[in-house]
Structure formats: C-alpha cells, structure tokens
Amino acid sequence: MKTVSRVVAAAGLAIASLNAPVLAQDYPSKPVEFIVPWSPGGGSDTLMRIVAGNVTPYLGVEMPVINMPGVGGTVGLTEASRRDADGYTISQVHEGLLAATATGLTELAWDDFDHIALMTASPQYLVAAADQPFDTMEGLVEYAQANPGELTIGVTLGGVPHLHAAMIAEAFDIEWRYVGYEGTGERIRALVGGNLDLAIGDISSSLQFAENGDLVFLATGATERMAQTPDVPTFMELGADLDLSITRGIVMPAGSPEEAQAAMEAALMELSQDPTFVEQINNAGADVAFRGREAYSAYLANLAETVERLAEVIAP
C-alpha cells in the first residue's frame, strides 16, 4: 500500500507541476493597455512610456500607451477603474490622486485599485521664465517679497504641484497667484510661451528648455543636487526643509486576477533591474524606486494620511 500511495502521490505532484506552468502561461496572451491619465510631454507620460517601451521582454507582450488627461488625472483613472478587471488594463497613480481625493475633487481613492508596483521617484523643480528680473532663488524671494501677489505660478490646482508650490511659498514667506493646468507638460509649455512667470516642473519636461535658454531652474526638491543639474541648489541648501518629489506606480482595476497581478509585478521587478531601463529613467530626471505589491500598498496608506493632514492647504 505504501508503494501505491507513493505512486499516487508522485503522480499528483507530476500533474501539479505540469499544470502550474500552463496556468502561469495563460497570462498575458495579448497586449496590456496602459492608460496614462496625463497629457503627452509631462513627467508621467515620459516615464511611463519608458516603462512601456522596455517591459515587453519581461512581460512577453506589448504595452500600448493611451493618454487620457483631465481633472487632475482623475478622468483616465476613473476610466481605468471601470475597465474589466481581467489584467489587460493598467494605469499609473502618484500623489495627485491622493490629493484629489483629500480635497474632494474626486470620490475615486487610492484603494479603489489593485496596487502592482511603485516604479519611479521624480524630484520637482521651481522653474522660471528666462525673461524674469531674477535667475536665482534668492533673487526670486527678494522680488516676490517686494511685489506680493504679482508673480504667477503654474500648478495642477488641488494636486501635488499646488501643494509643493504652497509649501515653497510658506517656507520663504512669499505670495504668488496660482494658475491651473492639467499636466506638467502643459504648464511648462505655457511658461515657455510667456503665459506664466513660474511653474513647478521636472527634468523630463523642462531640461531641454533650460538648456536652450528658455527657462531657468531656481531650485530642486531633491535631497541632494541632481547629476543632470549640478548647478541647481536644493531647497534644503537654501534653508528650507523641503523634500519635494513625485512617486509613480502601476495599478490595475480592483479585483484583477491574482495570476495577472503576480505576473505583472514580477515583470516590473525584473524591469527595475535592467541597466538600460535604469539609465533611461535617470536620464529623464527620475530614480527607479521599485516596491512590490505589499510594500507599495503600505506606502500609499502612509502617504494618504500625510496628504489628509495637508488637504486644507490645497483645497480648491
């Protein structure tokens, strides 16, 4: 009987081992659509296209990007949340969703999704038009204090750029007028076009314009000077305790199959260790900051508490 039992057990294990790879290979069997809820040309669009453009060798299928901007990123995220939870739609969230929820801009919340992986962190910059009567942070502070409320700054109203700009104004005891734009790319183009005095930007949206002489980086929210902008001081160097970054992660509609979540997480983890991918992300002014499903969910839960405390500052 023991021999028979061993044979049956062995057969069972063999069947299980045969079945496991088959299940693992069921997903993905077609391209996974990536809804980027921001306009082309901004930080989210640039970085997420790097993700989509490099993930195929690890995921096994293409990942076409579809931009769906509007209302602080909530239009595209709302569409993503309504898609079939079959693993073939992903989207991207950052602090903006948490801010939009906390200020009542949307009922959609961070925990309305399955969280797959945190991928990047992008220090933010205070950027000025090149024709301003100042080209340093010290010059800006002096001018703004002498002309309170005169300067305009482009942000996403009720979003993280709005929060960051308010934190800068508070830290340096200055006043400016906020002008709302949907995404980073849109407000940087408005700044270059002469419709703004200042904006919250990042490397991917602004560096080329700075190198061309159209814009000036006044300070960065990184904790240390960035390699791409070694001459730009941090806010901390300038005496303000400000760490201003945007983190971007991948989500699926709630209730997506475990198989799909696990496969996507594994593919993104492998991608995060790809030297070419890391170099491209770095060249776009961001860092690879991978966290898997459990760690990313915990990160968002803690971040939501912080944003809730600051909601009154950025309420529309």
C-alpha atoms as a PDB file:
ATOM      1  CA  MET A   1       0.000   0.000   0.000  1.00  0.00           C
ATOM      2  CA  LYS A   2       2.874   2.333   0.777  1.00  0.00           C
ATOM      3  CA  THR A   3       4.207   1.772  -2.737  1.00  0.00           C
ATOM      4  CA  VAL A   4       0.814   2.543  -4.244  1.00  0.00           C
ATOM      5  CA  SER A   5       0.493   5.652  -2.095  1.00  0.00           C
ATOM      6  CA  ARG A   6       3.888   6.855  -3.212  1.00  0.00           C
ATOM      7  CA  VAL A   7       2.953   6.278  -6.847  1.00  0.00           C
ATOM      8  CA  VAL A   8      -0.326   8.179  -6.455  1.00  0.00           C
ATOM      9  CA  ALA A   9       1.400  10.992  -4.619  1.00  0.00           C
ATOM     10  CA  ALA A  10       4.120  11.171  -7.232  1.00  0.00           C
ATOM     11  CA  ALA A  11       1.520  11.220  -9.989  1.00  0.00           C
ATOM     12  CA  GLY A  12      -0.297  14.027  -8.230  1.00  0.00           C
ATOM     13  CA  LEU A  13       2.876  16.065  -7.946  1.00  0.00           C
ATOM     14  CA  ALA A  14       3.665  15.445 -11.594  1.00  0.00           C
ATOM     15  CA  ILE A  15       0.210  16.615 -12.647  1.00  0.00           C
ATOM     16  CA  ALA A  16       0.520  19.691 -10.431  1.00  0.00           C
ATOM     17  CA  SER A  17       3.936  20.515 -11.860  1.00  0.00           C
ATOM     18  CA  LEU A  18       2.533  20.202 -15.366  1.00  0.00           C
ATOM     19  CA  ASN A  19      -0.464  22.363 -14.552  1.00  0.00           C
ATOM     20  CA  ALA A  20       1.467  25.155 -12.818  1.00  0.00           C
ATOM     21  CA  PRO A  21       3.408  26.318 -15.899  1.00  0.00           C
ATOM     22  CA  VAL A  22       0.259  26.140 -18.003  1.00  0.00           C
ATOM     23  CA  LEU A  23      -1.549  28.453 -15.599  1.00  0.00           C
ATOM     24  CA  ALA A  24       1.416  30.782 -15.460  1.00  0.00           C
ATOM     25  CA  GLN A  25       1.471  30.962 -19.243  1.00  0.00           C
ATOM     26  CA  ASP A  26      -2.219  31.849 -19.521  1.00  0.00           C
ATOM     27  CA  TYR A  27      -1.386  35.490 -18.779  1.00  0.00           C
ATOM     28  CA  PRO A  28      -0.685  37.566 -20.681  1.00  0.00           C
ATOM     29  CA  SER A  29      -1.985  36.301 -24.008  1.00  0.00           C
ATOM     30  CA  LYS A  30      -2.489  39.717 -25.631  1.00  0.00           C
ATOM     31  CA  PRO A  31      -1.206  43.306 -25.237  1.00  0.00           C
ATOM     32  CA  VAL A  32      -1.828  45.068 -21.926  1.00  0.00           C
ATOM     33  CA  GLU A  33      -3.241  48.557 -22.398  1.00  0.00           C
ATOM     34  CA  PHE A  34      -1.584  51.282 -20.305  1.00  0.00           C
ATOM     35  CA  ILE A  35      -3.849  54.259 -19.553  1.00  0.00           C
ATOM     36  CA  VAL A  36      -1.616  57.209 -18.637  1.00  0.00           C
ATOM     37  CA  PRO A  37      -4.013  59.747 -17.079  1.00  0.00           C
ATOM     38  CA  TRP A  38      -1.925  62.781 -18.044  1.00  0.00           C
ATOM     39  CA  SER A  39      -1.107  64.787 -21.169  1.00  0.00           C
ATOM     40  CA  PRO A  40       1.738  63.890 -23.545  1.00  0.00           C
ATOM     41  CA  GLY A  41       5.071  65.513 -22.771  1.00  0.00           C
ATOM     42  CA  GLY A  42       4.847  65.667 -18.984  1.00  0.00           C
ATOM     43  CA  GLY A  43       6.749  63.705 -16.383  1.00  0.00           C
ATOM     44  CA  SER A  44       4.209  60.906 -16.040  1.00  0.00           C
ATOM     45  CA  ASP A  45       3.906  60.439 -19.792  1.00  0.00           C
ATOM     46  CA  THR A  46       7.675  60.426 -20.337  1.00  0.00           C
ATOM     47  CA  LEU A  47       8.476  57.993 -17.525  1.00  0.00           C
ATOM     48  CA  MET A  48       5.591  55.629 -18.147  1.00  0.00           C
ATOM     49  CA  ARG A  49       6.463  55.417 -21.848  1.00  0.00           C
ATOM     50  CA  ILE A  50       9.933  54.306 -20.761  1.00  0.00           C
ATOM     51  CA  VAL A  51       8.264  51.591 -18.680  1.00  0.00           C
ATOM     52  CA  ALA A  52       6.007  50.530 -21.559  1.00  0.00           C
ATOM     53  CA  GLY A  53       8.827  50.650 -24.081  1.00  0.00           C
ATOM     54  CA  ASN A  54      11.100  48.338 -22.100  1.00  0.00           C
ATOM     55  CA  VAL A  55       8.791  45.842 -20.377  1.00  0.00           C
ATOM     56  CA  THR A  56       7.988  43.530 -23.306  1.00  0.00           C
ATOM     57  CA  PRO A  57      10.990  41.183 -22.868  1.00  0.00           C
ATOM     58  CA  TYR A  58       9.882  40.550 -19.277  1.00  0.00           C
ATOM     59  CA  LEU A  59       6.113  40.552 -19.747  1.00  0.00           C
ATOM     60  CA  GLY A  60       6.020  38.814 -23.109  1.00  0.00           C
ATOM     61  CA  VAL A  61       3.550  41.168 -24.820  1.00  0.00           C
ATOM     62  CA  GLU A  62       3.396  44.782 -25.990  1.00  0.00           C
ATOM     63  CA  MET A  63       2.092  47.547 -23.719  1.00  0.00           C
ATOM     64  CA  PRO A  64       0.473  50.307 -25.829  1.00  0.00           C
ATOM     65  CA  VAL A  65       0.117  53.677 -24.072  1.00  0.00           C
ATOM     66  CA  ILE A  66      -3.108  55.692 -24.259  1.00  0.00           C
ATOM     67  CA  ASN A  67      -3.143  59.217 -22.807  1.00  0.00           C
ATOM     68  CA  MET A  68      -6.411  60.176 -21.074  1.00  0.00           C
ATOM     69  CA  PRO A  69      -5.786  63.543 -19.352  1.00  0.00           C
ATOM     70  CA  GLY A  70      -8.302  65.632 -17.448  1.00  0.00           C
ATOM     71  CA  VAL A  71      -9.318  66.846 -13.981  1.00  0.00           C
ATOM     72  CA  GLY A  72      -6.034  66.271 -12.243  1.00  0.00           C
ATOM     73  CA  GLY A  73      -5.530  62.799 -13.657  1.00  0.00           C
ATOM     74  CA  THR A  74      -8.890  61.528 -12.463  1.00  0.00           C
ATOM     75  CA  VAL A  75     -10.504  61.168 -15.912  1.00  0.00           C
ATOM     76  CA  GLY A  76      -8.089  58.472 -17.030  1.00  0.00           C
ATOM     77  CA  LEU A  77      -8.024  56.795 -13.631  1.00  0.00           C
ATOM     78  CA  THR A  78     -11.809  56.696 -13.498  1.00  0.00           C
ATOM     79  CA  GLU A  79     -11.846  55.044 -16.921  1.00  0.00           C
ATOM     80  CA  ALA A  80      -9.211  52.551 -15.777  1.00  0.00           C
ATOM     81  CA  SER A  81     -11.208  51.711 -12.645  1.00  0.00           C
ATOM     82  CA  ARG A  82     -14.238  50.891 -14.806  1.00  0.00           C
ATOM     83  CA  ARG A  83     -12.399  48.591 -17.201  1.00  0.00           C
ATOM     84  CA  ASP A  84     -12.804  44.824 -16.952  1.00  0.00           C
ATOM     85  CA  ALA A  85     -10.660  43.507 -14.116  1.00  0.00           C
ATOM     86  CA  ASP A  86      -9.013  40.958 -16.369  1.00  0.00           C
ATOM     87  CA  GLY A  87      -5.397  42.076 -16.101  1.00  0.00           C
ATOM     88  CA  TYR A  88      -5.302  43.697 -19.531  1.00  0.00           C
ATOM     89  CA  THR A  89      -5.625  47.300 -18.339  1.00  0.00           C
ATOM     90  CA  ILE A  90      -3.142  49.072 -16.115  1.00  0.00           C
ATOM     91  CA  SER A  91      -2.797  52.701 -15.128  1.00  0.00           C
ATOM     92  CA  GLN A  92      -0.485  54.957 -13.137  1.00  0.00           C
ATOM     93  CA  VAL A  93      -1.036  56.832  -9.894  1.00  0.00           C
ATOM     94  CA  HIS A  94       1.008  59.314  -7.932  1.00  0.00           C
ATOM     95  CA  GLU A  95       0.407  61.697  -5.060  1.00  0.00           C
ATOM     96  CA  GLY A  96      -2.022  63.629  -7.252  1.00  0.00           C
ATOM     97  CA  LEU A  97      -4.780  61.039  -6.828  1.00  0.00           C
ATOM     98  CA  LEU A  98      -4.436  61.150  -3.057  1.00  0.00           C
ATOM     99  CA  ALA A  99      -4.568  64.960  -3.105  1.00  0.00           C
ATOM    100  CA  ALA A 100      -7.608  64.958  -5.408  1.00  0.00           C
ATOM    101  CA  THR A 101      -9.411  62.565  -3.065  1.00  0.00           C
ATOM    102  CA  ALA A 102      -8.487  64.515   0.075  1.00  0.00           C
ATOM    103  CA  THR A 103      -9.691  67.826  -1.391  1.00  0.00           C
ATOM    104  CA  GLY A 104     -12.968  66.428  -2.726  1.00  0.00           C
ATOM    105  CA  LEU A 105     -12.025  66.693  -6.397  1.00  0.00           C
ATOM    106  CA  THR A 106     -12.962  63.040  -6.894  1.00  0.00           C
ATOM    107  CA  GLU A 107     -14.564  60.189  -4.992  1.00  0.00           C
ATOM    108  CA  LEU A 108     -12.037  57.836  -6.528  1.00  0.00           C
ATOM    109  CA  ALA A 109      -9.415  56.762  -3.986  1.00  0.00           C
ATOM    110  CA  TRP A 110      -6.039  55.042  -3.988  1.00  0.00           C
ATOM    111  CA  ASP A 111      -7.540  51.872  -2.531  1.00  0.00           C
ATOM    112  CA  ASP A 112     -10.045  51.547  -5.384  1.00  0.00           C
ATOM    113  CA  PHE A 113      -7.271  49.743  -7.306  1.00  0.00           C
ATOM    114  CA  ASP A 114      -5.024  46.721  -7.013  1.00  0.00           C
ATOM    115  CA  HIS A 115      -1.519  48.090  -6.447  1.00  0.00           C
ATOM    116  CA  ILE A 116       1.152  46.328  -8.503  1.00  0.00           C
ATOM    117  CA  ALA A 117       4.416  48.223  -8.109  1.00  0.00           C
ATOM    118  CA  LEU A 118       5.952  51.576  -7.296  1.00  0.00           C
ATOM    119  CA  MET A 119       8.382  52.316 -10.139  1.00  0.00           C
ATOM    120  CA  THR A 120       9.892  55.827 -10.055  1.00  0.00           C
ATOM    121  CA  ALA A 121      10.538  58.886  -7.911  1.00  0.00           C
ATOM    122  CA  SER A 122      10.952  62.331  -9.517  1.00  0.00           C
ATOM    123  CA  PRO A 123      12.305  65.364  -7.655  1.00  0.00           C
ATOM    124  CA  GLN A 124      10.396  68.508  -8.572  1.00  0.00           C
ATOM    125  CA  TYR A 125      11.862  71.875  -9.568  1.00  0.00           C
ATOM    126  CA  LEU A 126      10.826  75.501  -9.263  1.00  0.00           C
ATOM    127  CA  VAL A 127      11.247  76.807 -12.808  1.00  0.00           C
ATOM    128  CA  ALA A 128      11.201  80.426 -14.022  1.00  0.00           C
ATOM    129  CA  ALA A 129      10.817  82.003 -17.419  1.00  0.00           C
ATOM    130  CA  ALA A 130      14.174  83.258 -18.684  1.00  0.00           C
ATOM    131  CA  ASP A 131      12.941  86.858 -19.038  1.00  0.00           C
ATOM    132  CA  GLN A 132      12.222  87.337 -15.324  1.00  0.00           C
ATOM    133  CA  PRO A 133      14.166  90.015 -13.379  1.00  0.00           C
ATOM    134  CA  PHE A 134      15.800  87.218 -11.355  1.00  0.00           C
ATOM    135  CA  ASP A 135      17.651  83.988 -12.137  1.00  0.00           C
ATOM    136  CA  THR A 136      18.265  82.632  -8.629  1.00  0.00           C
ATOM    137  CA  MET A 137      16.049  81.602  -5.741  1.00  0.00           C
ATOM    138  CA  GLU A 138      17.441  84.440  -3.650  1.00  0.00           C
ATOM    139  CA  GLY A 139      16.520  86.892  -6.402  1.00  0.00           C
ATOM    140  CA  LEU A 140      13.019  85.448  -6.648  1.00  0.00           C
ATOM    141  CA  VAL A 141      12.431  85.758  -2.899  1.00  0.00           C
ATOM    142  CA  GLU A 142      13.625  89.368  -2.874  1.00  0.00           C
ATOM    143  CA  TYR A 143      11.422  90.253  -5.859  1.00  0.00           C
ATOM    144  CA  ALA A 144       8.353  88.391  -4.583  1.00  0.00           C
ATOM    145  CA  GLN A 145       8.576  89.965  -1.135  1.00  0.00           C
ATOM    146  CA  ALA A 146       8.795  93.413  -2.726  1.00  0.00           C
ATOM    147  CA  ASN A 147       5.872  92.624  -5.085  1.00  0.00           C
ATOM    148  CA  PRO A 148       3.495  90.331  -3.170  1.00  0.00           C
ATOM    149  CA  GLY A 149       0.936  88.530  -5.322  1.00  0.00           C
ATOM    150  CA  GLU A 150       2.367  89.794  -8.602  1.00  0.00           C
ATOM    151  CA  LEU A 151       4.030  86.606  -9.822  1.00  0.00           C
ATOM    152  CA  THR A 152       2.013  83.766 -11.365  1.00  0.00           C
ATOM    153  CA  ILE A 153       2.933  80.119 -10.920  1.00  0.00           C
ATOM    154  CA  GLY A 154       1.599  77.198 -12.946  1.00  0.00           C
ATOM    155  CA  VAL A 155       0.388  74.180 -10.964  1.00  0.00           C
ATOM    156  CA  THR A 156      -2.248  71.462 -11.064  1.00  0.00           C
ATOM    157  CA  LEU A 157      -4.908  73.038  -8.855  1.00  0.00           C
ATOM    158  CA  GLY A 158      -5.735  70.785  -5.937  1.00  0.00           C
ATOM    159  CA  GLY A 159      -2.880  68.481  -6.914  1.00  0.00           C
ATOM    160  CA  VAL A 160       0.657  67.805  -5.789  1.00  0.00           C
ATOM    161  CA  PRO A 161       2.253  70.701  -7.738  1.00  0.00           C
ATOM    162  CA  HIS A 162      -0.204  73.034  -5.969  1.00  0.00           C
ATOM    163  CA  LEU A 163       0.802  71.526  -2.642  1.00  0.00           C
ATOM    164  CA  HIS A 164       4.504  71.848  -3.443  1.00  0.00           C
ATOM    165  CA  ALA A 165       4.132  75.481  -4.554  1.00  0.00           C
ATOM    166  CA  ALA A 166       2.224  76.329  -1.372  1.00  0.00           C
ATOM    167  CA  MET A 167       4.935  74.697   0.719  1.00  0.00           C
ATOM    168  CA  ILE A 168       7.611  76.755  -1.074  1.00  0.00           C
ATOM    169  CA  ALA A 169       5.647  79.981  -0.572  1.00  0.00           C
ATOM    170  CA  GLU A 170       5.221  79.224   3.119  1.00  0.00           C
ATOM    171  CA  ALA A 171       8.882  78.314   3.602  1.00  0.00           C
ATOM    172  CA  PHE A 172      10.165  81.522   2.002  1.00  0.00           C
ATOM    173  CA  ASP A 173       7.368  83.843   3.204  1.00  0.00           C
ATOM    174  CA  ILE A 174       6.244  84.873  -0.280  1.00  0.00           C
ATOM    175  CA  GLU A 175       2.932  85.181  -2.136  1.00  0.00           C
ATOM    176  CA  TRP A 176       2.068  84.347  -5.719  1.00  0.00           C
ATOM    177  CA  ARG A 177      -1.004  83.649  -7.812  1.00  0.00           C
ATOM    178  CA  TYR A 178      -1.788  80.066  -8.786  1.00  0.00           C
ATOM    179  CA  VAL A 179      -2.783  79.217 -12.369  1.00  0.00           C
ATOM    180  CA  GLY A 180      -4.131  75.743 -13.083  1.00  0.00           C
ATOM    181  CA  TYR A 181      -3.003  73.374 -15.837  1.00  0.00           C
ATOM    182  CA  GLU A 182      -3.813  69.701 -16.284  1.00  0.00           C
ATOM    183  CA  GLY A 183      -0.308  68.332 -16.559  1.00  0.00           C
ATOM    184  CA  THR A 184       3.352  69.232 -16.258  1.00  0.00           C
ATOM    185  CA  GLY A 185       3.903  69.387 -19.994  1.00  0.00           C
ATOM    186  CA  GLU A 186       1.008  71.812 -20.449  1.00  0.00           C
ATOM    187  CA  ARG A 187       2.167  74.269 -17.808  1.00  0.00           C
ATOM    188  CA  ILE A 188       5.802  74.166 -18.943  1.00  0.00           C
ATOM    189  CA  ARG A 189       4.695  74.982 -22.484  1.00  0.00           C
ATOM    190  CA  ALA A 190       2.649  77.872 -21.061  1.00  0.00           C
ATOM    191  CA  LEU A 191       5.737  79.082 -19.185  1.00  0.00           C
ATOM    192  CA  VAL A 192       7.882  78.947 -22.320  1.00  0.00           C
ATOM    193  CA  GLY A 193       5.110  80.731 -24.226  1.00  0.00           C
ATOM    194  CA  GLY A 194       5.146  83.698 -21.849  1.00  0.00           C
ATOM    195  CA  ASN A 195       1.837  82.995 -20.119  1.00  0.00           C
ATOM    196  CA  LEU A 196       3.374  82.388 -16.688  1.00  0.00           C
ATOM    197  CA  ASP A 197       6.227  83.654 -14.557  1.00  0.00           C
ATOM    198  CA  LEU A 198       6.990  80.396 -12.754  1.00  0.00           C
ATOM    199  CA  ALA A 199       5.947  76.753 -12.686  1.00  0.00           C
ATOM    200  CA  ILE A 200       6.510  73.506 -10.864  1.00  0.00           C
ATOM    201  CA  GLY A 201       8.346  71.233 -13.306  1.00  0.00           C
ATOM    202  CA  ASP A 202      10.759  68.337 -13.565  1.00  0.00           C
ATOM    203  CA  ILE A 203      13.745  67.211 -15.598  1.00  0.00           C
ATOM    204  CA  SER A 204      11.789  65.355 -18.260  1.00  0.00           C
ATOM    205  CA  SER A 205       9.514  68.314 -19.049  1.00  0.00           C
ATOM    206  CA  SER A 206      11.919  71.212 -18.536  1.00  0.00           C
ATOM    207  CA  LEU A 207      15.596  70.358 -19.007  1.00  0.00           C
ATOM    208  CA  GLN A 208      15.666  70.835 -22.775  1.00  0.00           C
ATOM    209  CA  PHE A 209      14.057  74.256 -22.437  1.00  0.00           C
ATOM    210  CA  ALA A 210      16.592  75.212 -19.759  1.00  0.00           C
ATOM    211  CA  GLU A 211      19.477  74.071 -21.946  1.00  0.00           C
ATOM    212  CA  ASN A 212      18.035  76.160 -24.792  1.00  0.00           C
ATOM    213  CA  GLY A 213      17.927  79.235 -22.548  1.00  0.00           C
ATOM    214  CA  ASP A 214      14.128  79.488 -22.432  1.00  0.00           C
ATOM    215  CA  LEU A 215      13.782  78.519 -18.759  1.00  0.00           C
ATOM    216  CA  VAL A 216      15.821  78.736 -15.558  1.00  0.00           C
ATOM    217  CA  PHE A 217      15.896  76.156 -12.772  1.00  0.00           C
ATOM    218  CA  LEU A 218      15.820  78.055  -9.470  1.00  0.00           C
ATOM    219  CA  ALA A 219      15.864  75.139  -7.001  1.00  0.00           C
ATOM    220  CA  THR A 220      15.184  71.412  -6.780  1.00  0.00           C
ATOM    221  CA  GLY A 221      13.123  69.458  -4.290  1.00  0.00           C
ATOM    222  CA  ALA A 222      15.691  66.642  -4.284  1.00  0.00           C
ATOM    223  CA  THR A 223      17.553  65.998  -1.040  1.00  0.00           C
ATOM    224  CA  GLU A 224      20.870  66.251  -2.920  1.00  0.00           C
ATOM    225  CA  ARG A 225      21.859  68.061  -6.108  1.00  0.00           C
ATOM    226  CA  MET A 226      20.885  66.143  -9.231  1.00  0.00           C
ATOM    227  CA  ALA A 227      23.523  64.914 -11.678  1.00  0.00           C
ATOM    228  CA  GLN A 228      21.603  66.427 -14.601  1.00  0.00           C
ATOM    229  CA  THR A 229      21.517  69.866 -12.920  1.00  0.00           C
ATOM    230  CA  PRO A 230      24.646  70.063 -10.755  1.00  0.00           C
ATOM    231  CA  ASP A 231      24.500  73.862 -10.517  1.00  0.00           C
ATOM    232  CA  VAL A 232      20.921  73.963  -9.224  1.00  0.00           C
ATOM    233  CA  PRO A 233      20.723  74.165  -5.404  1.00  0.00           C
ATOM    234  CA  THR A 234      18.319  72.134  -3.305  1.00  0.00           C
ATOM    235  CA  PHE A 235      15.707  73.879  -1.191  1.00  0.00           C
ATOM    236  CA  MET A 236      17.464  72.389   1.818  1.00  0.00           C
ATOM    237  CA  GLU A 237      20.692  74.167   0.845  1.00  0.00           C
ATOM    238  CA  LEU A 238      18.692  77.379   0.710  1.00  0.00           C
ATOM    239  CA  GLY A 239      17.459  76.929   4.261  1.00  0.00           C
ATOM    240  CA  ALA A 240      14.066  75.313   3.692  1.00  0.00           C
ATOM    241  CA  ASP A 241      13.324  71.799   4.963  1.00  0.00           C
ATOM    242  CA  LEU A 242      11.579  70.729   1.751  1.00  0.00           C
ATOM    243  CA  ASP A 243      11.745  67.277   0.129  1.00  0.00           C
ATOM    244  CA  LEU A 244       9.523  67.598  -2.945  1.00  0.00           C
ATOM    245  CA  SER A 245       9.226  64.519  -5.161  1.00  0.00           C
ATOM    246  CA  ILE A 246       6.510  62.702  -7.075  1.00  0.00           C
ATOM    247  CA  THR A 247       6.393  58.908  -6.966  1.00  0.00           C
ATOM    248  CA  ARG A 248       4.720  56.948  -9.740  1.00  0.00           C
ATOM    249  CA  GLY A 249       3.331  53.436  -9.539  1.00  0.00           C
ATOM    250  CA  ILE A 250       1.362  50.906 -11.561  1.00  0.00           C
ATOM    251  CA  VAL A 251      -2.178  49.785 -10.664  1.00  0.00           C
ATOM    252  CA  MET A 252      -4.889  47.500 -12.065  1.00  0.00           C
ATOM    253  CA  PRO A 253      -8.676  47.682 -11.714  1.00  0.00           C
ATOM    254  CA  ALA A 254      -9.749  46.254  -8.359  1.00  0.00           C
ATOM    255  CA  GLY A 255     -10.363  42.523  -8.422  1.00  0.00           C
ATOM    256  CA  SER A 256      -7.886  41.717 -11.192  1.00  0.00           C
ATOM    257  CA  PRO A 257      -6.808  38.043 -11.244  1.00  0.00           C
ATOM    258  CA  GLU A 258      -4.046  37.091  -8.831  1.00  0.00           C
ATOM    259  CA  GLU A 259      -2.221  35.430 -11.705  1.00  0.00           C
ATOM    260  CA  ALA A 260      -2.186  38.701 -13.647  1.00  0.00           C
ATOM    261  CA  GLN A 261      -1.130  40.786 -10.653  1.00  0.00           C
ATOM    262  CA  ALA A 262       1.719  38.430  -9.790  1.00  0.00           C
ATOM    263  CA  ALA A 263       2.938  38.198 -13.403  1.00  0.00           C
ATOM    264  CA  MET A 264       2.893  41.980 -13.831  1.00  0.00           C
ATOM    265  CA  GLU A 265       4.667  42.518 -10.509  1.00  0.00           C
ATOM    266  CA  ALA A 266       7.368  40.003 -11.478  1.00  0.00           C
ATOM    267  CA  ALA A 267       7.854  41.601 -14.896  1.00  0.00           C
ATOM    268  CA  LEU A 268       8.158  45.083 -13.406  1.00  0.00           C
ATOM    269  CA  MET A 269      10.589  43.870 -10.756  1.00  0.00           C
ATOM    270  CA  GLU A 270      12.834  42.390 -13.452  1.00  0.00           C
ATOM    271  CA  LEU A 271      12.490  45.576 -15.489  1.00  0.00           C
ATOM    272  CA  SER A 272      13.551  47.689 -12.496  1.00  0.00           C
ATOM    273  CA  GLN A 273      16.895  45.844 -12.518  1.00  0.00           C
ATOM    274  CA  ASP A 274      17.520  46.330 -16.241  1.00  0.00           C
ATOM    275  CA  PRO A 275      20.558  48.654 -16.655  1.00  0.00           C
ATOM    276  CA  THR A 276      19.189  50.189 -19.858  1.00  0.00           C
ATOM    277  CA  PHE A 277      15.854  50.943 -18.199  1.00  0.00           C
ATOM    278  CA  VAL A 278      17.557  52.438 -15.143  1.00  0.00           C
ATOM    279  CA  GLU A 279      19.728  54.636 -17.357  1.00  0.00           C
ATOM    280  CA  GLN A 280      16.729  55.888 -19.337  1.00  0.00           C
ATOM    281  CA  ILE A 281      14.803  56.697 -16.152  1.00  0.00           C
ATOM    282  CA  ASN A 282      17.836  58.517 -14.729  1.00  0.00           C
ATOM    283  CA  ASN A 283      18.281  60.464 -17.968  1.00  0.00           C
ATOM    284  CA  ALA A 284      14.650  61.562 -17.647  1.00  0.00           C
ATOM    285  CA  GLY A 285      15.441  63.056 -14.233  1.00  0.00           C
ATOM    286  CA  ALA A 286      13.989  60.340 -12.031  1.00  0.00           C
ATOM    287  CA  ASP A 287      15.169  57.393  -9.964  1.00  0.00           C
ATOM    288  CA  VAL A 288      13.988  53.793 -10.103  1.00  0.00           C
ATOM    289  CA  ALA A 289      12.271  53.170  -6.755  1.00  0.00           C
ATOM    290  CA  PHE A 290      10.723  49.708  -7.079  1.00  0.00           C
ATOM    291  CA  ARG A 291       8.401  48.388  -4.381  1.00  0.00           C
ATOM    292  CA  GLY A 292       6.254  45.311  -4.888  1.00  0.00           C
ATOM    293  CA  ARG A 293       2.556  44.893  -4.182  1.00  0.00           C
ATOM    294  CA  GLU A 294       2.657  44.651  -0.404  1.00  0.00           C
ATOM    295  CA  ALA A 295       5.250  47.369   0.139  1.00  0.00           C
ATOM    296  CA  TYR A 296       3.586  49.702  -2.382  1.00  0.00           C
ATOM    297  CA  SER A 297       0.172  49.349  -0.719  1.00  0.00           C
ATOM    298  CA  ALA A 298       1.720  50.141   2.673  1.00  0.00           C
ATOM    299  CA  TYR A 299       3.496  53.160   1.177  1.00  0.00           C
ATOM    300  CA  LEU A 300       0.248  54.545  -0.264  1.00  0.00           C
ATOM    301  CA  ALA A 301      -1.604  54.023   3.022  1.00  0.00           C
ATOM    302  CA  ASN A 302       1.004  56.044   4.924  1.00  0.00           C
ATOM    303  CA  LEU A 303       1.116  58.714   2.236  1.00  0.00           C
ATOM    304  CA  ALA A 304      -2.679  59.088   2.316  1.00  0.00           C
ATOM    305  CA  GLU A 305      -2.503  60.009   5.995  1.00  0.00           C
ATOM    306  CA  THR A 306       0.041  62.753   5.263  1.00  0.00           C
ATOM    307  CA  VAL A 307      -1.976  64.208   2.390  1.00  0.00           C
ATOM    308  CA  GLU A 308      -5.126  64.237   4.529  1.00  0.00           C
ATOM    309  CA  ARG A 309      -3.343  66.399   7.094  1.00  0.00           C
ATOM    310  CA  LEU A 310      -2.360  68.922   4.417  1.00  0.00           C
ATOM    311  CA  ALA A 311      -5.623  68.912   2.453  1.00  0.00           C
ATOM    312  CA  GLU A 312      -6.756  72.345   3.646  1.00  0.00           C
ATOM    313  CA  VAL A 313      -3.662  73.955   2.137  1.00  0.00           C
ATOM    314  CA  ILE A 314      -4.579  72.916  -1.400  1.00  0.00           C
ATOM    315  CA  ALA A 315      -8.372  72.728  -1.292  1.00  0.00           C
ATOM    316  CA  PRO A 316      -9.799  74.409  -4.427  1.00  0.00           C
END
